[in-house]
PDB file of all heavy atoms in Angstrom:
ATOM      1  N   VAL A   1      56.531 124.121  95.888  1.00  0.00           N
ATOM      2  CA  VAL A   1      56.391 123.243  94.727  1.00  0.00           C
ATOM      3  C   VAL A   1      55.566 123.982  93.684  1.00  0.00           C
ATOM      4  O   VAL A   1      55.886 123.996  92.506  1.00  0.00           O
ATOM      5  CB  VAL A   1      55.721 121.909  95.121  1.00  0.00           C
ATOM      6  CG1 VAL A   1      55.426 121.059  93.901  1.00  0.00           C
ATOM      7  CG2 VAL A   1      56.578 121.156  96.122  1.00  0.00           C
ATOM      8  N   ASP A   2      54.486 124.605  94.161  1.00  0.00           N
ATOM      9  CA  ASP A   2      53.640 125.480  93.355  1.00  0.00           C
ATOM     10  C   ASP A   2      52.953 126.430  94.326  1.00  0.00           C
ATOM     11  O   ASP A   2      53.342 126.505  95.493  1.00  0.00           O
ATOM     12  CB  ASP A   2      52.657 124.693  92.482  1.00  0.00           C
ATOM     13  CG  ASP A   2      51.771 123.747  93.284  1.00  0.00           C
ATOM     14  OD1 ASP A   2      51.348 124.117  94.412  1.00  0.00           O
ATOM     15  OD2 ASP A   2      51.474 122.647  92.792  1.00  0.00           O
ATOM     16  N   GLU A   3      51.928 127.130  93.903  1.00  0.00           N
ATOM     17  CA  GLU A   3      51.295 128.139  94.763  1.00  0.00           C
ATOM     18  C   GLU A   3      50.577 127.543  95.970  1.00  0.00           C
ATOM     19  O   GLU A   3      50.367 128.235  96.961  1.00  0.00           O
ATOM     20  CB  GLU A   3      50.313 128.980  93.943  1.00  0.00           C
ATOM     21  CG  GLU A   3      50.995 129.884  92.953  1.00  0.00           C
ATOM     22  CD  GLU A   3      50.000 130.738  92.182  1.00  0.00           C
ATOM     23  OE1 GLU A   3      48.799 130.739  92.534  1.00  0.00           O
ATOM     24  OE2 GLU A   3      50.429 131.404  91.233  1.00  0.00           O
ATOM     25  N   GLN A   4      50.205 126.265  95.901  1.00  0.00           N
ATOM     26  CA  GLN A   4      49.423 125.639  96.979  1.00  0.00           C
ATOM     27  C   GLN A   4      50.116 124.472  97.668  1.00  0.00           C
ATOM     28  O   GLN A   4      49.523 123.840  98.542  1.00  0.00           O
ATOM     29  CB  GLN A   4      48.074 125.165  96.421  1.00  0.00           C
ATOM     30  CG  GLN A   4      47.213 126.284  95.891  1.00  0.00           C
ATOM     31  CD  GLN A   4      46.880 127.309  96.969  1.00  0.00           C
ATOM     32  OE1 GLN A   4      46.538 126.957  98.091  1.00  0.00           O
ATOM     33  NE2 GLN A   4      46.994 128.587  96.638  1.00  0.00           N
ATOM     34  N   THR A   5      51.351 124.193  97.282  1.00  0.00           N
ATOM     35  CA  THR A   5      52.043 123.013  97.796  1.00  0.00           C
ATOM     36  C   THR A   5      53.471 123.366  98.169  1.00  0.00           C
ATOM     37  O   THR A   5      54.138 124.112  97.461  1.00  0.00           O
ATOM     38  CB  THR A   5      52.063 121.901  96.732  1.00  0.00           C
ATOM     39  OG1 THR A   5      50.743 121.740  96.212  1.00  0.00           O
ATOM     40  CG2 THR A   5      52.537 120.584  97.306  1.00  0.00           C
ATOM     41  N   THR A   6      53.935 122.797  99.296  1.00  0.00           N
ATOM     42  CA  THR A   6      55.280 123.069  99.796  1.00  0.00           C
ATOM     43  C   THR A   6      55.994 121.764 100.102  1.00  0.00           C
ATOM     44  O   THR A   6      55.393 120.824 100.622  1.00  0.00           O
ATOM     45  CB  THR A   6      55.209 123.920 101.085  1.00  0.00           C
ATOM     46  OG1 THR A   6      54.479 125.114 100.809  1.00  0.00           O
ATOM     47  CG2 THR A   6      56.582 124.290 101.599  1.00  0.00           C
ATOM     48  N   ARG A   7      57.287 121.719  99.787  1.00  0.00           N
ATOM     49  CA  ARG A   7      58.119 120.564 100.116  1.00  0.00           C
ATOM     50  C   ARG A   7      58.980 120.916 101.323  1.00  0.00           C
ATOM     51  O   ARG A   7      59.592 121.979 101.383  1.00  0.00           O
ATOM     52  CB  ARG A   7      59.021 120.191  98.941  1.00  0.00           C
ATOM     53  CG  ARG A   7      59.894 118.965  99.214  1.00  0.00           C
ATOM     54  CD  ARG A   7      60.729 118.578  97.995  1.00  0.00           C
ATOM     55  NE  ARG A   7      59.973 118.567  96.765  1.00  0.00           N
ATOM     56  CZ  ARG A   7      59.150 117.590  96.361  1.00  0.00           C
ATOM     57  NH1 ARG A   7      58.981 116.536  97.116  1.00  0.00           N
ATOM     58  NH2 ARG A   7      58.510 117.667  95.215  1.00  0.00           N
ATOM     59  N   LEU A   8      59.020 119.999 102.286  1.00  0.00           N
ATOM     60  CA  LEU A   8      59.859 120.115 103.474  1.00  0.00           C
ATOM     61  C   LEU A   8      60.911 119.024 103.397  1.00  0.00           C
ATOM     62  O   LEU A   8      60.574 117.845 103.249  1.00  0.00           O
ATOM     63  CB  LEU A   8      59.001 119.932 104.737  1.00  0.00           C
ATOM     64  CG  LEU A   8      59.732 119.696 106.051  1.00  0.00           C
ATOM     65  CD1 LEU A   8      60.559 120.909 106.451  1.00  0.00           C
ATOM     66  CD2 LEU A   8      58.729 119.332 107.147  1.00  0.00           C
ATOM     67  N   THR A   9      62.169 119.404 103.453  1.00  0.00           N
ATOM     68  CA  THR A   9      63.251 118.419 103.481  1.00  0.00           C
ATOM     69  C   THR A   9      64.107 118.673 104.712  1.00  0.00           C
ATOM     70  O   THR A   9      64.409 119.825 105.047  1.00  0.00           O
ATOM     71  CB  THR A   9      64.132 118.482 102.218  1.00  0.00           C
ATOM     72  OG1 THR A   9      64.610 119.811 102.050  1.00  0.00           O
ATOM     73  CG2 THR A   9      63.359 118.072 100.984  1.00  0.00           C
ATOM     74  N   GLY A  10      64.464 117.595 105.368  1.00  0.00           N
ATOM     75  CA  GLY A  10      65.282 117.726 106.566  1.00  0.00           C
ATOM     76  C   GLY A  10      65.810 116.377 106.998  1.00  0.00           C
ATOM     77  O   GLY A  10      65.727 115.386 106.262  1.00  0.00           O
ATOM     78  N   THR A  11      66.328 116.348 108.198  1.00  0.00           N
ATOM     79  CA  THR A  11      66.794 115.117 108.816  1.00  0.00           C
ATOM     80  C   THR A  11      66.389 115.144 110.282  1.00  0.00           C
ATOM     81  O   THR A  11      66.073 116.205 110.828  1.00  0.00           O
ATOM     82  CB  THR A  11      68.332 114.972 108.716  1.00  0.00           C
ATOM     83  OG1 THR A  11      68.950 116.054 109.419  1.00  0.00           O
ATOM     84  CG2 THR A  11      68.803 114.953 107.265  1.00  0.00           C
ATOM     85  N   THR A  12      66.414 113.974 110.901  1.00  0.00           N
ATOM     86  CA  THR A  12      66.083 113.897 112.319  1.00  0.00           C
ATOM     87  C   THR A  12      66.807 112.719 112.959  1.00  0.00           C
ATOM     88  O   THR A  12      67.111 111.735 112.286  1.00  0.00           O
ATOM     89  CB  THR A  12      64.561 113.762 112.545  1.00  0.00           C
ATOM     90  OG1 THR A  12      64.287 113.841 113.946  1.00  0.00           O
ATOM     91  CG2 THR A  12      64.006 112.463 111.996  1.00  0.00           C
ATOM     92  N   GLY A  13      67.038 112.827 114.219  1.00  0.00           N
ATOM     93  CA  GLY A  13      67.535 111.713 115.006  1.00  0.00           C
ATOM     94  C   GLY A  13      66.403 111.021 115.732  1.00  0.00           C
ATOM     95  O   GLY A  13      66.592 109.982 116.355  1.00  0.00           O
ATOM     96  N   ASN A  14      65.192 111.613 115.648  1.00  0.00           N
ATOM     97  CA  ASN A  14      64.035 111.100 116.375  1.00  0.00           C
ATOM     98  C   ASN A  14      62.804 111.154 115.469  1.00  0.00           C
ATOM     99  O   ASN A  14      62.055 112.141 115.484  1.00  0.00           O
ATOM    100  CB  ASN A  14      63.828 111.937 117.643  1.00  0.00           C
ATOM    101  CG  ASN A  14      62.729 111.405 118.523  1.00  0.00           C
ATOM    102  OD1 ASN A  14      61.891 110.617 118.099  1.00  0.00           O
ATOM    103  ND2 ASN A  14      62.720 111.855 119.757  1.00  0.00           N
ATOM    104  N   PRO A  15      62.559 110.109 114.686  1.00  0.00           N
ATOM    105  CA  PRO A  15      61.413 110.115 113.783  1.00  0.00           C
ATOM    106  C   PRO A  15      60.071 110.285 114.497  1.00  0.00           C
ATOM    107  O   PRO A  15      59.141 110.850 113.934  1.00  0.00           O
ATOM    108  CB  PRO A  15      61.484 108.753 113.077  1.00  0.00           C
ATOM    109  CG  PRO A  15      62.908 108.338 113.202  1.00  0.00           C
ATOM    110  CD  PRO A  15      63.385 108.911 114.505  1.00  0.00           C
ATOM    111  N   TYR A  16      59.962 109.814 115.735  1.00  0.00           N
ATOM    112  CA  TYR A  16      58.708 109.969 116.466  1.00  0.00           C
ATOM    113  C   TYR A  16      58.413 111.447 116.725  1.00  0.00           C
ATOM    114  O   TYR A  16      57.307 111.921 116.495  1.00  0.00           O
ATOM    115  CB  TYR A  16      58.744 109.181 117.784  1.00  0.00           C
ATOM    116  CG  TYR A  16      57.418 109.210 118.492  1.00  0.00           C
ATOM    117  CD1 TYR A  16      56.405 108.332 118.130  1.00  0.00           C
ATOM    118  CD2 TYR A  16      57.156 110.131 119.488  1.00  0.00           C
ATOM    119  CE1 TYR A  16      55.169 108.371 118.745  1.00  0.00           C
ATOM    120  CE2 TYR A  16      55.921 110.176 120.122  1.00  0.00           C
ATOM    121  CZ  TYR A  16      54.937 109.298 119.746  1.00  0.00           C
ATOM    122  OH  TYR A  16      53.712 109.347 120.351  1.00  0.00           O
ATOM    123  N   TRP A  17      59.417 112.184 117.187  1.00  0.00           N
ATOM    124  CA  TRP A  17      59.241 113.620 117.420  1.00  0.00           C
ATOM    125  C   TRP A  17      58.868 114.323 116.117  1.00  0.00           C
ATOM    126  O   TRP A  17      57.966 115.160 116.083  1.00  0.00           O
ATOM    127  CB  TRP A  17      60.516 114.234 118.003  1.00  0.00           C
ATOM    128  CG  TRP A  17      60.452 115.718 118.123  1.00  0.00           C
ATOM    129  CD1 TRP A  17      59.903 116.447 119.137  1.00  0.00           C
ATOM    130  CD2 TRP A  17      60.935 116.681 117.173  1.00  0.00           C
ATOM    131  NE1 TRP A  17      60.017 117.787 118.878  1.00  0.00           N
ATOM    132  CE2 TRP A  17      60.648 117.960 117.676  1.00  0.00           C
ATOM    133  CE3 TRP A  17      61.583 116.579 115.942  1.00  0.00           C
ATOM    134  CZ2 TRP A  17      60.986 119.124 116.996  1.00  0.00           C
ATOM    135  CZ3 TRP A  17      61.919 117.740 115.270  1.00  0.00           C
ATOM    136  CH2 TRP A  17      61.614 118.990 115.794  1.00  0.00           C
ATOM    137  N   TYR A  18      59.531 113.970 115.044  1.00  0.00           N
ATOM    138  CA  TYR A  18      59.271 114.588 113.746  1.00  0.00           C
ATOM    139  C   TYR A  18      57.832 114.311 113.317  1.00  0.00           C
ATOM    140  O   TYR A  18      57.114 115.205 112.855  1.00  0.00           O
ATOM    141  CB  TYR A  18      60.263 114.048 112.717  1.00  0.00           C
ATOM    142  CG  TYR A  18      60.568 114.972 111.572  1.00  0.00           C
ATOM    143  CD1 TYR A  18      61.699 115.777 111.590  1.00  0.00           C
ATOM    144  CD2 TYR A  18      59.746 115.029 110.454  1.00  0.00           C
ATOM    145  CE1 TYR A  18      62.004 116.616 110.514  1.00  0.00           C
ATOM    146  CE2 TYR A  18      60.036 115.862 109.387  1.00  0.00           C
ATOM    147  CZ  TYR A  18      61.166 116.648 109.430  1.00  0.00           C
ATOM    148  OH  TYR A  18      61.458 117.482 108.368  1.00  0.00           O
ATOM    149  N   ALA A  19      57.371 113.064 113.478  1.00  0.00           N
ATOM    150  CA  ALA A  19      56.001 112.700 113.117  1.00  0.00           C
ATOM    151  C   ALA A  19      54.992 113.479 113.955  1.00  0.00           C
ATOM    152  O   ALA A  19      53.954 113.912 113.434  1.00  0.00           O
ATOM    153  CB  ALA A  19      55.799 111.198 113.298  1.00  0.00           C
ATOM    154  N   GLU A  20      55.278 113.683 115.229  1.00  0.00           N
ATOM    155  CA  GLU A  20      54.389 114.479 116.082  1.00  0.00           C
ATOM    156  C   GLU A  20      54.265 115.908 115.568  1.00  0.00           C
ATOM    157  O   GLU A  20      53.182 116.487 115.574  1.00  0.00           O
ATOM    158  CB  GLU A  20      54.904 114.509 117.516  1.00  0.00           C
ATOM    159  CG  GLU A  20      54.734 113.220 118.270  1.00  0.00           C
ATOM    160  CD  GLU A  20      55.335 113.301 119.658  1.00  0.00           C
ATOM    161  OE1 GLU A  20      56.390 113.963 119.840  1.00  0.00           O
ATOM    162  OE2 GLU A  20      54.740 112.709 120.574  1.00  0.00           O
ATOM    163  N   GLN A  21      55.380 116.482 115.140  1.00  0.00           N
ATOM    164  CA  GLN A  21      55.362 117.849 114.614  1.00  0.00           C
ATOM    165  C   GLN A  21      54.514 117.917 113.348  1.00  0.00           C
ATOM    166  O   GLN A  21      53.741 118.856 113.151  1.00  0.00           O
ATOM    167  CB  GLN A  21      56.783 118.349 114.321  1.00  0.00           C
ATOM    168  CG  GLN A  21      57.730 118.308 115.501  1.00  0.00           C
ATOM    169  CD  GLN A  21      57.186 119.036 116.700  1.00  0.00           C
ATOM    170  OE1 GLN A  21      56.885 120.218 116.638  1.00  0.00           O
ATOM    171  NE2 GLN A  21      57.068 118.332 117.810  1.00  0.00           N
ATOM    172  N   LEU A  22      54.637 116.907 112.495  1.00  0.00           N
ATOM    173  CA  LEU A  22      53.841 116.877 111.268  1.00  0.00           C
ATOM    174  C   LEU A  22      52.357 116.711 111.572  1.00  0.00           C
ATOM    175  O   LEU A  22      51.510 117.324 110.920  1.00  0.00           O
ATOM    176  CB  LEU A  22      54.318 115.740 110.360  1.00  0.00           C
ATOM    177  CG  LEU A  22      55.722 115.879 109.786  1.00  0.00           C
ATOM    178  CD1 LEU A  22      56.110 114.605 109.055  1.00  0.00           C
ATOM    179  CD2 LEU A  22      55.843 117.093 108.887  1.00  0.00           C
ATOM    180  N   ALA A  23      52.036 115.897 112.559  1.00  0.00           N
ATOM    181  CA  ALA A  23      50.633 115.661 112.912  1.00  0.00           C
ATOM    182  C   ALA A  23      49.943 116.939 113.371  1.00  0.00           C
ATOM    183  O   ALA A  23      48.728 117.071 113.246  1.00  0.00           O
ATOM    184  CB  ALA A  23      50.541 114.592 113.999  1.00  0.00           C
ATOM    185  N   ALA A  24      50.702 117.883 113.876  1.00  0.00           N
ATOM    186  CA  ALA A  24      50.134 119.144 114.353  1.00  0.00           C
ATOM    187  C   ALA A  24      49.905 120.154 113.228  1.00  0.00           C
ATOM    188  O   ALA A  24      49.315 121.214 113.465  1.00  0.00           O
ATOM    189  CB  ALA A  24      51.048 119.751 115.416  1.00  0.00           C
ATOM    190  N   LEU A  25      50.343 119.842 112.025  1.00  0.00           N
ATOM    191  CA  LEU A  25      50.156 120.777 110.911  1.00  0.00           C
ATOM    192  C   LEU A  25      48.681 120.961 110.592  1.00  0.00           C
ATOM    193  O   LEU A  25      47.909 119.992 110.618  1.00  0.00           O
ATOM    194  CB  LEU A  25      50.870 120.271 109.659  1.00  0.00           C
ATOM    195  CG  LEU A  25      52.381 120.301 109.671  1.00  0.00           C
ATOM    196  CD1 LEU A  25      52.927 119.680 108.379  1.00  0.00           C
ATOM    197  CD2 LEU A  25      52.885 121.718 109.838  1.00  0.00           C
ATOM    198  N   PRO A  26      48.282 122.175 110.224  1.00  0.00           N
ATOM    199  CA  PRO A  26      46.876 122.427 109.865  1.00  0.00           C
ATOM    200  C   PRO A  26      46.589 122.161 108.383  1.00  0.00           C
ATOM    201  O   PRO A  26      45.755 122.826 107.779  1.00  0.00           O
ATOM    202  CB  PRO A  26      46.716 123.914 110.208  1.00  0.00           C
ATOM    203  CG  PRO A  26      48.056 124.497 109.921  1.00  0.00           C
ATOM    204  CD  PRO A  26      49.046 123.428 110.319  1.00  0.00           C
ATOM    205  N   ALA A  27      47.287 121.184 107.804  1.00  0.00           N
ATOM    206  CA  ALA A  27      47.107 120.880 106.380  1.00  0.00           C
ATOM    207  C   ALA A  27      47.472 119.417 106.128  1.00  0.00           C
ATOM    208  O   ALA A  27      48.293 118.843 106.852  1.00  0.00           O
ATOM    209  CB  ALA A  27      48.002 121.794 105.535  1.00  0.00           C
ATOM    210  N   PRO A  28      46.891 118.807 105.099  1.00  0.00           N
ATOM    211  CA  PRO A  28      47.268 117.442 104.737  1.00  0.00           C
ATOM    212  C   PRO A  28      48.725 117.386 104.265  1.00  0.00           C
ATOM    213  O   PRO A  28      49.243 118.360 103.701  1.00  0.00           O
ATOM    214  CB  PRO A  28      46.332 117.103 103.574  1.00  0.00           C
ATOM    215  CG  PRO A  28      45.240 118.115 103.624  1.00  0.00           C
ATOM    216  CD  PRO A  28      45.818 119.334 104.255  1.00  0.00           C
ATOM    217  N   PHE A  29      49.345 116.243 104.486  1.00  0.00           N
ATOM    218  CA  PHE A  29      50.736 116.066 104.052  1.00  0.00           C
ATOM    219  C   PHE A  29      50.977 114.616 103.652  1.00  0.00           C
ATOM    220  O   PHE A  29      50.209 113.724 104.012  1.00  0.00           O
ATOM    221  CB  PHE A  29      51.719 116.489 105.150  1.00  0.00           C
ATOM    222  CG  PHE A  29      51.669 115.647 106.385  1.00  0.00           C
ATOM    223  CD1 PHE A  29      52.460 114.518 106.510  1.00  0.00           C
ATOM    224  CD2 PHE A  29      50.817 115.967 107.428  1.00  0.00           C
ATOM    225  CE1 PHE A  29      52.416 113.730 107.646  1.00  0.00           C
ATOM    226  CE2 PHE A  29      50.752 115.195 108.571  1.00  0.00           C
ATOM    227  CZ  PHE A  29      51.558 114.069 108.674  1.00  0.00           C
ATOM    228  N   ARG A  30      52.050 114.398 102.899  1.00  0.00           N
ATOM    229  CA  ARG A  30      52.482 113.066 102.483  1.00  0.00           C
ATOM    230  C   ARG A  30      53.976 112.939 102.725  1.00  0.00           C
ATOM    231  O   ARG A  30      54.747 113.806 102.305  1.00  0.00           O
ATOM    232  CB  ARG A  30      52.205 112.843 100.994  1.00  0.00           C
ATOM    233  CG  ARG A  30      50.750 112.800 100.642  1.00  0.00           C
ATOM    234  CD  ARG A  30      50.505 112.830  99.147  1.00  0.00           C
ATOM    235  NE  ARG A  30      51.065 113.982  98.434  1.00  0.00           N
ATOM    236  CZ  ARG A  30      50.611 115.238  98.518  1.00  0.00           C
ATOM    237  NH1 ARG A  30      49.618 115.526  99.332  1.00  0.00           N
ATOM    238  NH2 ARG A  30      51.145 116.203  97.816  1.00  0.00           N
ATOM    239  N   VAL A  31      54.377 111.862 103.369  1.00  0.00           N
ATOM    240  CA  VAL A  31      55.796 111.601 103.569  1.00  0.00           C
ATOM    241  C   VAL A  31      56.283 110.873 102.325  1.00  0.00           C
ATOM    242  O   VAL A  31      55.911 109.732 102.077  1.00  0.00           O
ATOM    243  CB  VAL A  31      56.053 110.764 104.838  1.00  0.00           C
ATOM    244  CG1 VAL A  31      57.543 110.491 104.995  1.00  0.00           C
ATOM    245  CG2 VAL A  31      55.501 111.481 106.063  1.00  0.00           C
ATOM    246  N   GLU A  32      57.123 111.535 101.550  1.00  0.00           N
ATOM    247  CA  GLU A  32      57.596 110.964 100.291  1.00  0.00           C
ATOM    248  C   GLU A  32      58.998 110.392 100.385  1.00  0.00           C
ATOM    249  O   GLU A  32      59.441 109.710  99.478  1.00  0.00           O
ATOM    250  CB  GLU A  32      57.521 112.017  99.186  1.00  0.00           C
ATOM    251  CG  GLU A  32      56.088 112.389  98.869  1.00  0.00           C
ATOM    252  CD  GLU A  32      55.963 113.213  97.603  1.00  0.00           C
ATOM    253  OE1 GLU A  32      56.971 113.774  97.135  1.00  0.00           O
ATOM    254  OE2 GLU A  32      54.835 113.301  97.095  1.00  0.00           O
ATOM    255  N   GLY A  33      59.695 110.674 101.462  1.00  0.00           N
ATOM    256  CA  GLY A  33      61.043 110.151 101.619  1.00  0.00           C
ATOM    257  C   GLY A  33      61.397 109.983 103.081  1.00  0.00           C
ATOM    258  O   GLY A  33      60.951 110.754 103.929  1.00  0.00           O
ATOM    259  N   GLY A  34      62.187 108.958 103.335  1.00  0.00           N
ATOM    260  CA  GLY A  34      62.591 108.645 104.698  1.00  0.00           C
ATOM    261  C   GLY A  34      61.782 107.478 105.230  1.00  0.00           C
ATOM    262  O   GLY A  34      60.700 107.659 105.781  1.00  0.00           O
TER     263      GLY A  34
END
């Protein structure tokens, strides 16, 4: 998005698994879609 921000776009069949993967990130995040 800029030098300090990244957008991740994808799809999943398992939102719980996806949320777990996001929780393990070493940075703050915001779910803007889905």
